[in-house]
Amino acid sequence: MVAYARDEMVGITELSKSLGKYLDKVVSNSFNKIAIIRRNEPEAVIIPIKEYEYMKEASDMLEDMQIAKIIEERVTKRKEPVKYLTLNELEENLRKRGKNV
């Protein structure tokens, strides 16, 4: 669980009154995050857009690696030979399934 300093937390009511002030603190790097508190629990976090983009890219890369591992496992444990499709064969198979390609 992430820890928040007291000044990095703001109630939702206060945030709605002073959103610009808190956004400026994050954008200017006065704070690297602000936790939005509702009913005494953190509900969301405001972070700089660059940090979000970095986290999203890292998450996407991790997901790609997990998918690649699954594919590799399925290919290596396969009992019958793998059949590779050309792009045209793939498109034709998708059309037969009602997909618009």
PDB file of N, CA and C in Angstrom:
ATOM      1  N   MET A   1       0.839  -1.180   0.000  1.00  0.00           N
ATOM      2  CA  MET A   1       0.000   0.000   0.000  1.00  0.00           C
ATOM      3  C   MET A   1       0.883   1.242   0.000  1.00  0.00           C
ATOM      4  N   VAL A   2       0.480   2.249  -0.731  1.00  0.00           N
ATOM      5  CA  VAL A   2       1.226   3.497  -0.841  1.00  0.00           C
ATOM      6  C   VAL A   2       0.943   4.368   0.371  1.00  0.00           C
ATOM      7  N   ALA A   3       1.975   4.994   0.883  1.00  0.00           N
ATOM      8  CA  ALA A   3       1.802   5.912   2.013  1.00  0.00           C
ATOM      9  C   ALA A   3       1.670   7.335   1.480  1.00  0.00           C
ATOM     10  N   TYR A   4       0.832   8.113   2.140  1.00  0.00           N
ATOM     11  CA  TYR A   4       0.615   9.504   1.759  1.00  0.00           C
ATOM     12  C   TYR A   4       0.957  10.405   2.937  1.00  0.00           C
ATOM     13  N   ALA A   5       1.697  11.476   2.679  1.00  0.00           N
ATOM     14  CA  ALA A   5       1.936  12.486   3.708  1.00  0.00           C
ATOM     15  C   ALA A   5       0.627  13.234   3.940  1.00  0.00           C
ATOM     16  N   ARG A   6       0.502  13.819   5.105  1.00  0.00           N
ATOM     17  CA  ARG A   6      -0.739  14.522   5.456  1.00  0.00           C
ATOM     18  C   ARG A   6      -1.104  15.589   4.423  1.00  0.00           C
ATOM     19  N   ASP A   7      -0.102  16.321   3.940  1.00  0.00           N
ATOM     20  CA  ASP A   7      -0.396  17.381   2.967  1.00  0.00           C
ATOM     21  C   ASP A   7      -0.611  16.851   1.548  1.00  0.00           C
ATOM     22  N   GLU A   8      -0.437  15.542   1.336  1.00  0.00           N
ATOM     23  CA  GLU A   8      -0.721  14.939   0.033  1.00  0.00           C
ATOM     24  C   GLU A   8      -2.136  14.381  -0.041  1.00  0.00           C
ATOM     25  N   MET A   9      -2.917  14.587   0.996  1.00  0.00           N
ATOM     26  CA  MET A   9      -4.291  14.084   1.020  1.00  0.00           C
ATOM     27  C   MET A   9      -5.251  15.265   1.063  1.00  0.00           C
ATOM     28  N   VAL A  10      -6.338  15.139   0.302  1.00  0.00           N
ATOM     29  CA  VAL A  10      -7.352  16.194   0.294  1.00  0.00           C
ATOM     30  C   VAL A  10      -8.729  15.544   0.208  1.00  0.00           C
ATOM     31  N   GLY A  11      -9.646  16.068   0.994  1.00  0.00           N
ATOM     32  CA  GLY A  11     -11.015  15.587   0.932  1.00  0.00           C
ATOM     33  C   GLY A  11     -11.670  16.024  -0.362  1.00  0.00           C
ATOM     34  N   ILE A  12     -12.642  15.280  -0.789  1.00  0.00           N
ATOM     35  CA  ILE A  12     -13.291  15.564  -2.067  1.00  0.00           C
ATOM     36  C   ILE A  12     -14.004  16.913  -2.051  1.00  0.00           C
ATOM     37  N   THR A  13     -14.548  17.309  -0.913  1.00  0.00           N
ATOM     38  CA  THR A  13     -15.234  18.604  -0.821  1.00  0.00           C
ATOM     39  C   THR A  13     -14.234  19.734  -0.990  1.00  0.00           C
ATOM     40  N   GLU A  14     -13.111  19.648  -0.277  1.00  0.00           N
ATOM     41  CA  GLU A  14     -12.065  20.673  -0.397  1.00  0.00           C
ATOM     42  C   GLU A  14     -11.510  20.704  -1.811  1.00  0.00           C
ATOM     43  N   LEU A  15     -11.314  19.540  -2.411  1.00  0.00           N
ATOM     44  CA  LEU A  15     -10.787  19.466  -3.776  1.00  0.00           C
ATOM     45  C   LEU A  15     -11.734  20.146  -4.756  1.00  0.00           C
ATOM     46  N   SER A  16     -13.029  19.946  -4.572  1.00  0.00           N
ATOM     47  CA  SER A  16     -13.994  20.557  -5.503  1.00  0.00           C
ATOM     48  C   SER A  16     -13.971  22.077  -5.395  1.00  0.00           C
ATOM     49  N   LYS A  17     -13.609  22.612  -4.240  1.00  0.00           N
ATOM     50  CA  LYS A  17     -13.530  24.063  -4.051  1.00  0.00           C
ATOM     51  C   LYS A  17     -12.226  24.641  -4.599  1.00  0.00           C
ATOM     52  N   SER A  18     -11.154  23.846  -4.554  1.00  0.00           N
ATOM     53  CA  SER A  18      -9.821  24.371  -4.881  1.00  0.00           C
ATOM     54  C   SER A  18      -9.048  23.474  -5.842  1.00  0.00           C
ATOM     55  N   LEU A  19      -9.725  22.937  -6.827  1.00  0.00           N
ATOM     56  CA  LEU A  19      -9.076  22.005  -7.748  1.00  0.00           C
ATOM     57  C   LEU A  19      -7.846  22.630  -8.403  1.00  0.00           C
ATOM     58  N   GLY A  20      -7.960  23.861  -8.853  1.00  0.00           N
ATOM     59  CA  GLY A  20      -6.830  24.514  -9.525  1.00  0.00           C
ATOM     60  C   GLY A  20      -5.597  24.571  -8.653  1.00  0.00           C
ATOM     61  N   LYS A  21      -5.776  24.895  -7.378  1.00  0.00           N
ATOM     62  CA  LYS A  21      -4.653  24.990  -6.445  1.00  0.00           C
ATOM     63  C   LYS A  21      -3.939  23.646  -6.324  1.00  0.00           C
ATOM     64  N   TYR A  22      -4.711  22.573  -6.172  1.00  0.00           N
ATOM     65  CA  TYR A  22      -4.102  21.258  -6.021  1.00  0.00           C
ATOM     66  C   TYR A  22      -3.483  20.763  -7.319  1.00  0.00           C
ATOM     67  N   LEU A  23      -4.117  21.062  -8.419  1.00  0.00           N
ATOM     68  CA  LEU A  23      -3.554  20.681  -9.712  1.00  0.00           C
ATOM     69  C   LEU A  23      -2.230  21.396  -9.942  1.00  0.00           C
ATOM     70  N   ASP A  24      -2.162  22.685  -9.586  1.00  0.00           N
ATOM     71  CA  ASP A  24      -0.913  23.438  -9.713  1.00  0.00           C
ATOM     72  C   ASP A  24       0.200  22.814  -8.876  1.00  0.00           C
ATOM     73  N   LYS A  25      -0.122  22.328  -7.686  1.00  0.00           N
ATOM     74  CA  LYS A  25       0.883  21.702  -6.821  1.00  0.00           C
ATOM     75  C   LYS A  25       1.464  20.449  -7.476  1.00  0.00           C
ATOM     76  N   VAL A  26       0.624  19.679  -8.149  1.00  0.00           N
ATOM     77  CA  VAL A  26       1.106  18.467  -8.815  1.00  0.00           C
ATOM     78  C   VAL A  26       1.896  18.827 -10.065  1.00  0.00           C
ATOM     79  N   VAL A  27       1.371  19.748 -10.858  1.00  0.00           N
ATOM     80  CA  VAL A  27       2.024  20.115 -12.114  1.00  0.00           C
ATOM     81  C   VAL A  27       3.383  20.769 -11.854  1.00  0.00           C
ATOM     82  N   SER A  28       3.484  21.559 -10.783  1.00  0.00           N
ATOM     83  CA  SER A  28       4.747  22.243 -10.469  1.00  0.00           C
ATOM     84  C   SER A  28       5.718  21.353  -9.697  1.00  0.00           C
ATOM     85  N   ASN A  29       5.331  20.111  -9.462  1.00  0.00           N
ATOM     86  CA  ASN A  29       6.136  19.143  -8.713  1.00  0.00           C
ATOM     87  C   ASN A  29       6.336  19.518  -7.248  1.00  0.00           C
ATOM     88  N   SER A  30       5.477  20.390  -6.705  1.00  0.00           N
ATOM     89  CA  SER A  30       5.488  20.631  -5.262  1.00  0.00           C
ATOM     90  C   SER A  30       5.099  19.342  -4.549  1.00  0.00           C
ATOM     91  N   PHE A  31       4.189  18.593  -5.164  1.00  0.00           N
ATOM     92  CA  PHE A  31       3.787  17.271  -4.694  1.00  0.00           C
ATOM     93  C   PHE A  31       3.871  16.325  -5.880  1.00  0.00           C
ATOM     94  N   ASN A  32       4.308  15.083  -5.634  1.00  0.00           N
ATOM     95  CA  ASN A  32       4.339  14.135  -6.752  1.00  0.00           C
ATOM     96  C   ASN A  32       3.034  13.367  -6.884  1.00  0.00           C
ATOM     97  N   LYS A  33       2.145  13.537  -5.879  1.00  0.00           N
ATOM     98  CA  LYS A  33       0.825  12.909  -5.951  1.00  0.00           C
ATOM     99  C   LYS A  33      -0.078  13.564  -4.921  1.00  0.00           C
ATOM    100  N   ILE A  34      -1.371  13.516  -5.201  1.00  0.00           N
ATOM    101  CA  ILE A  34      -2.370  13.970  -4.232  1.00  0.00           C
ATOM    102  C   ILE A  34      -3.455  12.910  -4.178  1.00  0.00           C
ATOM    103  N   ALA A  35      -3.689  12.397  -2.975  1.00  0.00           N
ATOM    104  CA  ALA A  35      -4.732  11.385  -2.781  1.00  0.00           C
ATOM    105  C   ALA A  35      -6.044  12.095  -2.499  1.00  0.00           C
ATOM    106  N   ILE A  36      -7.081  11.690  -3.198  1.00  0.00           N
ATOM    107  CA  ILE A  36      -8.424  12.236  -2.988  1.00  0.00           C
ATOM    108  C   ILE A  36      -9.139  11.317  -2.000  1.00  0.00           C
ATOM    109  N   ILE A  37      -9.575  11.907  -0.891  1.00  0.00           N
ATOM    110  CA  ILE A  37     -10.182  11.141   0.198  1.00  0.00           C
ATOM    111  C   ILE A  37     -11.698  11.313   0.166  1.00  0.00           C
ATOM    112  N   ARG A  38     -12.396  10.187   0.239  1.00  0.00           N
ATOM    113  CA  ARG A  38     -13.858  10.207   0.355  1.00  0.00           C
ATOM    114  C   ARG A  38     -14.246   9.179   1.407  1.00  0.00           C
ATOM    115  N   ARG A  39     -15.060   9.606   2.345  1.00  0.00           N
ATOM    116  CA  ARG A  39     -15.471   8.746   3.467  1.00  0.00           C
ATOM    117  C   ARG A  39     -14.253   8.177   4.202  1.00  0.00           C
ATOM    118  N   ASN A  40     -13.270   9.030   4.404  1.00  0.00           N
ATOM    119  CA  ASN A  40     -12.044   8.686   5.142  1.00  0.00           C
ATOM    120  C   ASN A  40     -11.183   7.611   4.485  1.00  0.00           C
ATOM    121  N   GLU A  41     -11.373   7.379   3.196  1.00  0.00           N
ATOM    122  CA  GLU A  41     -10.581   6.394   2.463  1.00  0.00           C
ATOM    123  C   GLU A  41     -10.059   7.015   1.169  1.00  0.00           C
ATOM    124  N   PRO A  42      -8.812   6.710   0.789  1.00  0.00           N
ATOM    125  CA  PRO A  42      -8.320   7.177  -0.514  1.00  0.00           C
ATOM    126  C   PRO A  42      -9.148   6.552  -1.638  1.00  0.00           C
ATOM    127  N   GLU A  43      -9.642   7.386  -2.540  1.00  0.00           N
ATOM    128  CA  GLU A  43     -10.469   6.909  -3.655  1.00  0.00           C
ATOM    129  C   GLU A  43      -9.750   7.016  -4.999  1.00  0.00           C
ATOM    130  N   ALA A  44      -8.905   8.046  -5.127  1.00  0.00           N
ATOM    131  CA  ALA A  44      -8.210   8.275  -6.395  1.00  0.00           C
ATOM    132  C   ALA A  44      -6.952   9.084  -6.108  1.00  0.00           C
ATOM    133  N   VAL A  45      -6.093   9.163  -7.122  1.00  0.00           N
ATOM    134  CA  VAL A  45      -4.845   9.909  -6.967  1.00  0.00           C
ATOM    135  C   VAL A  45      -4.655  10.793  -8.194  1.00  0.00           C
ATOM    136  N   ILE A  46      -4.220  12.013  -7.947  1.00  0.00           N
ATOM    137  CA  ILE A  46      -3.842  12.922  -9.027  1.00  0.00           C
ATOM    138  C   ILE A  46      -2.330  12.868  -9.138  1.00  0.00           C
ATOM    139  N   ILE A  47      -1.833  12.560 -10.342  1.00  0.00           N
ATOM    140  CA  ILE A  47      -0.391  12.517 -10.596  1.00  0.00           C
ATOM    141  C   ILE A  47      -0.108  13.293 -11.878  1.00  0.00           C
ATOM    142  N   PRO A  48       1.141  13.734 -12.076  1.00  0.00           N
ATOM    143  CA  PRO A  48       1.490  14.419 -13.319  1.00  0.00           C
ATOM    144  C   PRO A  48       1.269  13.511 -14.530  1.00  0.00           C
ATOM    145  N   ILE A  49       0.902  14.113 -15.639  1.00  0.00           N
ATOM    146  CA  ILE A  49       0.588  13.351 -16.854  1.00  0.00           C
ATOM    147  C   ILE A  49       1.786  12.526 -17.324  1.00  0.00           C
ATOM    148  N   LYS A  50       2.996  13.051 -17.205  1.00  0.00           N
ATOM    149  CA  LYS A  50       4.186  12.297 -17.637  1.00  0.00           C
ATOM    150  C   LYS A  50       4.346  11.025 -16.808  1.00  0.00           C
ATOM    151  N   GLU A  51       4.096  11.123 -15.515  1.00  0.00           N
ATOM    152  CA  GLU A  51       4.190   9.943 -14.662  1.00  0.00           C
ATOM    153  C   GLU A  51       3.117   8.920 -15.040  1.00  0.00           C
ATOM    154  N   TYR A  52       1.906   9.400 -15.308  1.00  0.00           N
ATOM    155  CA  TYR A  52       0.838   8.492 -15.727  1.00  0.00           C
ATOM    156  C   TYR A  52       1.219   7.792 -17.035  1.00  0.00           C
ATOM    157  N   GLU A  53       1.736   8.552 -17.999  1.00  0.00           N
ATOM    158  CA  GLU A  53       2.100   7.970 -19.289  1.00  0.00           C
ATOM    159  C   GLU A  53       3.200   6.920 -19.112  1.00  0.00           C
ATOM    160  N   TYR A  54       4.171   7.208 -18.242  1.00  0.00           N
ATOM    161  CA  TYR A  54       5.235   6.252 -17.968  1.00  0.00           C
ATOM    162  C   TYR A  54       4.664   4.973 -17.355  1.00  0.00           C
ATOM    163  N   MET A  55       3.775   5.132 -16.366  1.00  0.00           N
ATOM    164  CA  MET A  55       3.168   3.977 -15.714  1.00  0.00           C
ATOM    165  C   MET A  55       2.327   3.175 -16.701  1.00  0.00           C
ATOM    166  N   LYS A  56       1.598   3.850 -17.566  1.00  0.00           N
ATOM    167  CA  LYS A  56       0.759   3.167 -18.554  1.00  0.00           C
ATOM    168  C   LYS A  56       1.625   2.388 -19.540  1.00  0.00           C
ATOM    169  N   GLU A  57       2.716   3.001 -19.984  1.00  0.00           N
ATOM    170  CA  GLU A  57       3.617   2.321 -20.912  1.00  0.00           C
ATOM    171  C   GLU A  57       4.235   1.084 -20.257  1.00  0.00           C
ATOM    172  N   ALA A  58       4.647   1.218 -18.999  1.00  0.00           N
ATOM    173  CA  ALA A  58       5.224   0.081 -18.278  1.00  0.00           C
ATOM    174  C   ALA A  58       4.189  -1.025 -18.116  1.00  0.00           C
ATOM    175  N   SER A  59       2.967  -0.664 -17.799  1.00  0.00           N
ATOM    176  CA  SER A  59       1.891  -1.642 -17.648  1.00  0.00           C
ATOM    177  C   SER A  59       1.617  -2.360 -18.972  1.00  0.00           C
ATOM    178  N   ASP A  60       1.589  -1.599 -20.064  1.00  0.00           N
ATOM    179  CA  ASP A  60       1.364  -2.199 -21.380  1.00  0.00           C
ATOM    180  C   ASP A  60       2.491  -3.166 -21.747  1.00  0.00           C
ATOM    181  N   MET A  61       3.743  -2.771 -21.443  1.00  0.00           N
ATOM    182  CA  MET A  61       4.876  -3.647 -21.743  1.00  0.00           C
ATOM    183  C   MET A  61       4.797  -4.936 -20.933  1.00  0.00           C
ATOM    184  N   LEU A  62       4.432  -4.820 -19.669  1.00  0.00           N
ATOM    185  CA  LEU A  62       4.289  -6.004 -18.825  1.00  0.00           C
ATOM    186  C   LEU A  62       3.199  -6.927 -19.362  1.00  0.00           C
ATOM    187  N   GLU A  63       2.075  -6.335 -19.774  1.00  0.00           N
ATOM    188  CA  GLU A  63       0.992  -7.146 -20.341  1.00  0.00           C
ATOM    189  C   GLU A  63       1.455  -7.849 -21.612  1.00  0.00           C
ATOM    190  N   ASP A  64       2.200  -7.137 -22.469  1.00  0.00           N
ATOM    191  CA  ASP A  64       2.720  -7.746 -23.699  1.00  0.00           C
ATOM    192  C   ASP A  64       3.638  -8.920 -23.375  1.00  0.00           C
ATOM    193  N   MET A  65       4.475  -8.756 -22.351  1.00  0.00           N
ATOM    194  CA  MET A  65       5.390  -9.830 -21.958  1.00  0.00           C
ATOM    195  C   MET A  65       4.614 -11.039 -21.442  1.00  0.00           C
ATOM    196  N   GLN A  66       3.552 -10.795 -20.684  1.00  0.00           N
ATOM    197  CA  GLN A  66       2.735 -11.895 -20.179  1.00  0.00           C
ATOM    198  C   GLN A  66       2.045 -12.628 -21.327  1.00  0.00           C
ATOM    199  N   ILE A  67       1.539 -11.878 -22.296  1.00  0.00           N
ATOM    200  CA  ILE A  67       0.895 -12.493 -23.459  1.00  0.00           C
ATOM    201  C   ILE A  67       1.906 -13.309 -24.251  1.00  0.00           C
ATOM    202  N   ALA A  68       3.105 -12.763 -24.446  1.00  0.00           N
ATOM    203  CA  ALA A  68       4.146 -13.479 -25.186  1.00  0.00           C
ATOM    204  C   ALA A  68       4.511 -14.786 -24.482  1.00  0.00           C
ATOM    205  N   LYS A  69       4.563 -14.762 -23.160  1.00  0.00           N
ATOM    206  CA  LYS A  69       4.878 -15.976 -22.400  1.00  0.00           C
ATOM    207  C   LYS A  69       3.792 -17.031 -22.590  1.00  0.00           C
ATOM    208  N   ILE A  70       2.535 -16.602 -22.555  1.00  0.00           N
ATOM    209  CA  ILE A  70       1.420 -17.538 -22.764  1.00  0.00           C
ATOM    210  C   ILE A  70       1.497 -18.149 -24.158  1.00  0.00           C
ATOM    211  N   ILE A  71       1.765 -17.313 -25.152  1.00  0.00           N
ATOM    212  CA  ILE A  71       1.868 -17.813 -26.530  1.00  0.00           C
ATOM    213  C   ILE A  71       3.008 -18.813 -26.643  1.00  0.00           C
ATOM    214  N   GLU A  72       4.154 -18.474 -26.074  1.00  0.00           N
ATOM    215  CA  GLU A  72       5.304 -19.378 -26.133  1.00  0.00           C
ATOM    216  C   GLU A  72       4.990 -20.721 -25.475  1.00  0.00           C
ATOM    217  N   GLU A  73       4.344 -20.685 -24.321  1.00  0.00           N
ATOM    218  CA  GLU A  73       3.980 -21.924 -23.636  1.00  0.00           C
ATOM    219  C   GLU A  73       3.022 -22.762 -24.474  1.00  0.00           C
ATOM    220  N   ARG A  74       2.065 -22.110 -25.088  1.00  0.00           N
ATOM    221  CA  ARG A  74       1.087 -22.851 -25.891  1.00  0.00           C
ATOM    222  C   ARG A  74       1.717 -23.438 -27.140  1.00  0.00           C
ATOM    223  N   VAL A  75       2.651 -22.719 -27.727  1.00  0.00           N
ATOM    224  CA  VAL A  75       3.303 -23.212 -28.946  1.00  0.00           C
ATOM    225  C   VAL A  75       4.232 -24.366 -28.616  1.00  0.00           C
ATOM    226  N   THR A  76       5.000 -24.268 -27.539  1.00  0.00           N
ATOM    227  CA  THR A  76       5.976 -25.318 -27.226  1.00  0.00           C
ATOM    228  C   THR A  76       5.328 -26.575 -26.666  1.00  0.00           C
ATOM    229  N   LYS A  77       4.158 -26.476 -26.071  1.00  0.00           N
ATOM    230  CA  LYS A  77       3.487 -27.641 -25.499  1.00  0.00           C
ATOM    231  C   LYS A  77       2.480 -28.257 -26.461  1.00  0.00           C
ATOM    232  N   ARG A  78       2.419 -27.732 -27.631  1.00  0.00           N
ATOM    233  CA  ARG A  78       1.455 -28.202 -28.618  1.00  0.00           C
ATOM    234  C   ARG A  78       1.837 -29.589 -29.129  1.00  0.00           C
ATOM    235  N   LYS A  79       0.850 -30.459 -29.283  1.00  0.00           N
ATOM    236  CA  LYS A  79       1.106 -31.830 -29.747  1.00  0.00           C
ATOM    237  C   LYS A  79       1.115 -31.930 -31.263  1.00  0.00           C
ATOM    238  N   GLU A  80       0.416 -31.027 -31.915  1.00  0.00           N
ATOM    239  CA  GLU A  80       0.409 -31.042 -33.380  1.00  0.00           C
ATOM    240  C   GLU A  80       1.217 -29.850 -33.873  1.00  0.00           C
ATOM    241  N   PRO A  81       1.696 -29.897 -35.101  1.00  0.00           N
ATOM    242  CA  PRO A  81       2.519 -28.805 -35.614  1.00  0.00           C
ATOM    243  C   PRO A  81       1.728 -27.482 -35.674  1.00  0.00           C
ATOM    244  N   VAL A  82       2.437 -26.412 -35.502  1.00  0.00           N
ATOM    245  CA  VAL A  82       1.816 -25.089 -35.564  1.00  0.00           C
ATOM    246  C   VAL A  82       1.586 -24.729 -37.019  1.00  0.00           C
ATOM    247  N   LYS A  83       0.382 -24.227 -37.316  1.00  0.00           N
ATOM    248  CA  LYS A  83       0.082 -23.781 -38.674  1.00  0.00           C
ATOM    249  C   LYS A  83       0.080 -22.262 -38.678  1.00  0.00           C
ATOM    250  N   TYR A  84       0.937 -21.689 -39.470  1.00  0.00           N
ATOM    251  CA  TYR A  84       1.014 -20.241 -39.583  1.00  0.00           C
ATOM    252  C   TYR A  84       0.118 -19.785 -40.724  1.00  0.00           C
ATOM    253  N   LEU A  85      -0.574 -18.686 -40.514  1.00  0.00           N
ATOM    254  CA  LEU A  85      -1.472 -18.137 -41.521  1.00  0.00           C
ATOM    255  C   LEU A  85      -0.846 -16.916 -42.162  1.00  0.00           C
ATOM    256  N   THR A  86      -1.123 -16.752 -43.439  1.00  0.00           N
ATOM    257  CA  THR A  86      -0.746 -15.500 -44.088  1.00  0.00           C
ATOM    258  C   THR A  86      -1.766 -14.452 -43.676  1.00  0.00           C
ATOM    259  N   LEU A  87      -1.466 -13.211 -43.935  1.00  0.00           N
ATOM    260  CA  LEU A  87      -2.403 -12.131 -43.616  1.00  0.00           C
ATOM    261  C   LEU A  87      -3.714 -12.336 -44.363  1.00  0.00           C
ATOM    262  N   ASN A  88      -3.652 -12.761 -45.612  1.00  0.00           N
ATOM    263  CA  ASN A  88      -4.881 -12.989 -46.383  1.00  0.00           C
ATOM    264  C   ASN A  88      -5.718 -14.119 -45.782  1.00  0.00           C
ATOM    265  N   GLU A  89      -5.070 -15.191 -45.338  1.00  0.00           N
ATOM    266  CA  GLU A  89      -5.797 -16.298 -44.712  1.00  0.00           C
ATOM    267  C   GLU A  89      -6.443 -15.855 -43.397  1.00  0.00           C
ATOM    268  N   LEU A  90      -5.723 -15.063 -42.641  1.00  0.00           N
ATOM    269  CA  LEU A  90      -6.270 -14.553 -41.385  1.00  0.00           C
ATOM    270  C   LEU A  90      -7.490 -13.674 -41.644  1.00  0.00           C
ATOM    271  N   GLU A  91      -7.378 -12.770 -42.601  1.00  0.00           N
ATOM    272  CA  GLU A  91      -8.514 -11.903 -42.936  1.00  0.00           C
ATOM    273  C   GLU A  91      -9.709 -12.716 -43.403  1.00  0.00           C
ATOM    274  N   GLU A  92      -9.472 -13.738 -44.209  1.00  0.00           N
ATOM    275  CA  GLU A  92     -10.560 -14.590 -44.707  1.00  0.00           C
ATOM    276  C   GLU A  92     -11.238 -15.321 -43.544  1.00  0.00           C
ATOM    277  N   ASN A  93     -10.455 -15.863 -42.632  1.00  0.00           N
ATOM    278  CA  ASN A  93     -11.031 -16.541 -41.463  1.00  0.00           C
ATOM    279  C   ASN A  93     -11.874 -15.582 -40.630  1.00  0.00           C
ATOM    280  N   LEU A  94     -11.398 -14.361 -40.470  1.00  0.00           N
ATOM    281  CA  LEU A  94     -12.157 -13.374 -39.701  1.00  0.00           C
ATOM    282  C   LEU A  94     -13.454 -12.993 -40.411  1.00  0.00           C
ATOM    283  N   ARG A  95     -13.401 -12.854 -41.727  1.00  0.00           N
ATOM    284  CA  ARG A  95     -14.617 -12.544 -42.490  1.00  0.00           C
ATOM    285  C   ARG A  95     -15.652 -13.657 -42.335  1.00  0.00           C
ATOM    286  N   LYS A  96     -15.196 -14.903 -42.363  1.00  0.00           N
ATOM    287  CA  LYS A  96     -16.105 -16.043 -42.185  1.00  0.00           C
ATOM    288  C   LYS A  96     -16.787 -16.001 -40.820  1.00  0.00           C
ATOM    289  N   ARG A  97     -16.127 -15.396 -39.853  1.00  0.00           N
ATOM    290  CA  ARG A  97     -16.704 -15.264 -38.502  1.00  0.00           C
ATOM    291  C   ARG A  97     -17.523 -13.991 -38.346  1.00  0.00           C
ATOM    292  N   GLY A  98     -17.718 -13.280 -39.465  1.00  0.00           N
ATOM    293  CA  GLY A  98     -18.560 -12.092 -39.421  1.00  0.00           C
ATOM    294  C   GLY A  98     -17.847 -10.816 -39.005  1.00  0.00           C
ATOM    295  N   LYS A  99     -16.522 -10.836 -39.013  1.00  0.00           N
ATOM    296  CA  LYS A  99     -15.750  -9.649 -38.631  1.00  0.00           C
ATOM    297  C   LYS A  99     -15.482  -8.795 -39.847  1.00  0.00           C
ATOM    298  N   ASN A 100     -15.539  -7.503 -39.682  1.00  0.00           N
ATOM    299  CA  ASN A 100     -15.318  -6.564 -40.779  1.00  0.00           C
ATOM    300  C   ASN A 100     -13.836  -6.187 -40.814  1.00  0.00           C
ATOM    301  N   VAL A 101     -13.106  -6.746 -41.784  1.00  0.00           N
ATOM    302  CA  VAL A 101     -11.678  -6.437 -41.909  1.00  0.00           C
ATOM    303  C   VAL A 101     -11.362  -5.919 -43.290  1.00  0.00           C
TER     304      VAL A 101
END
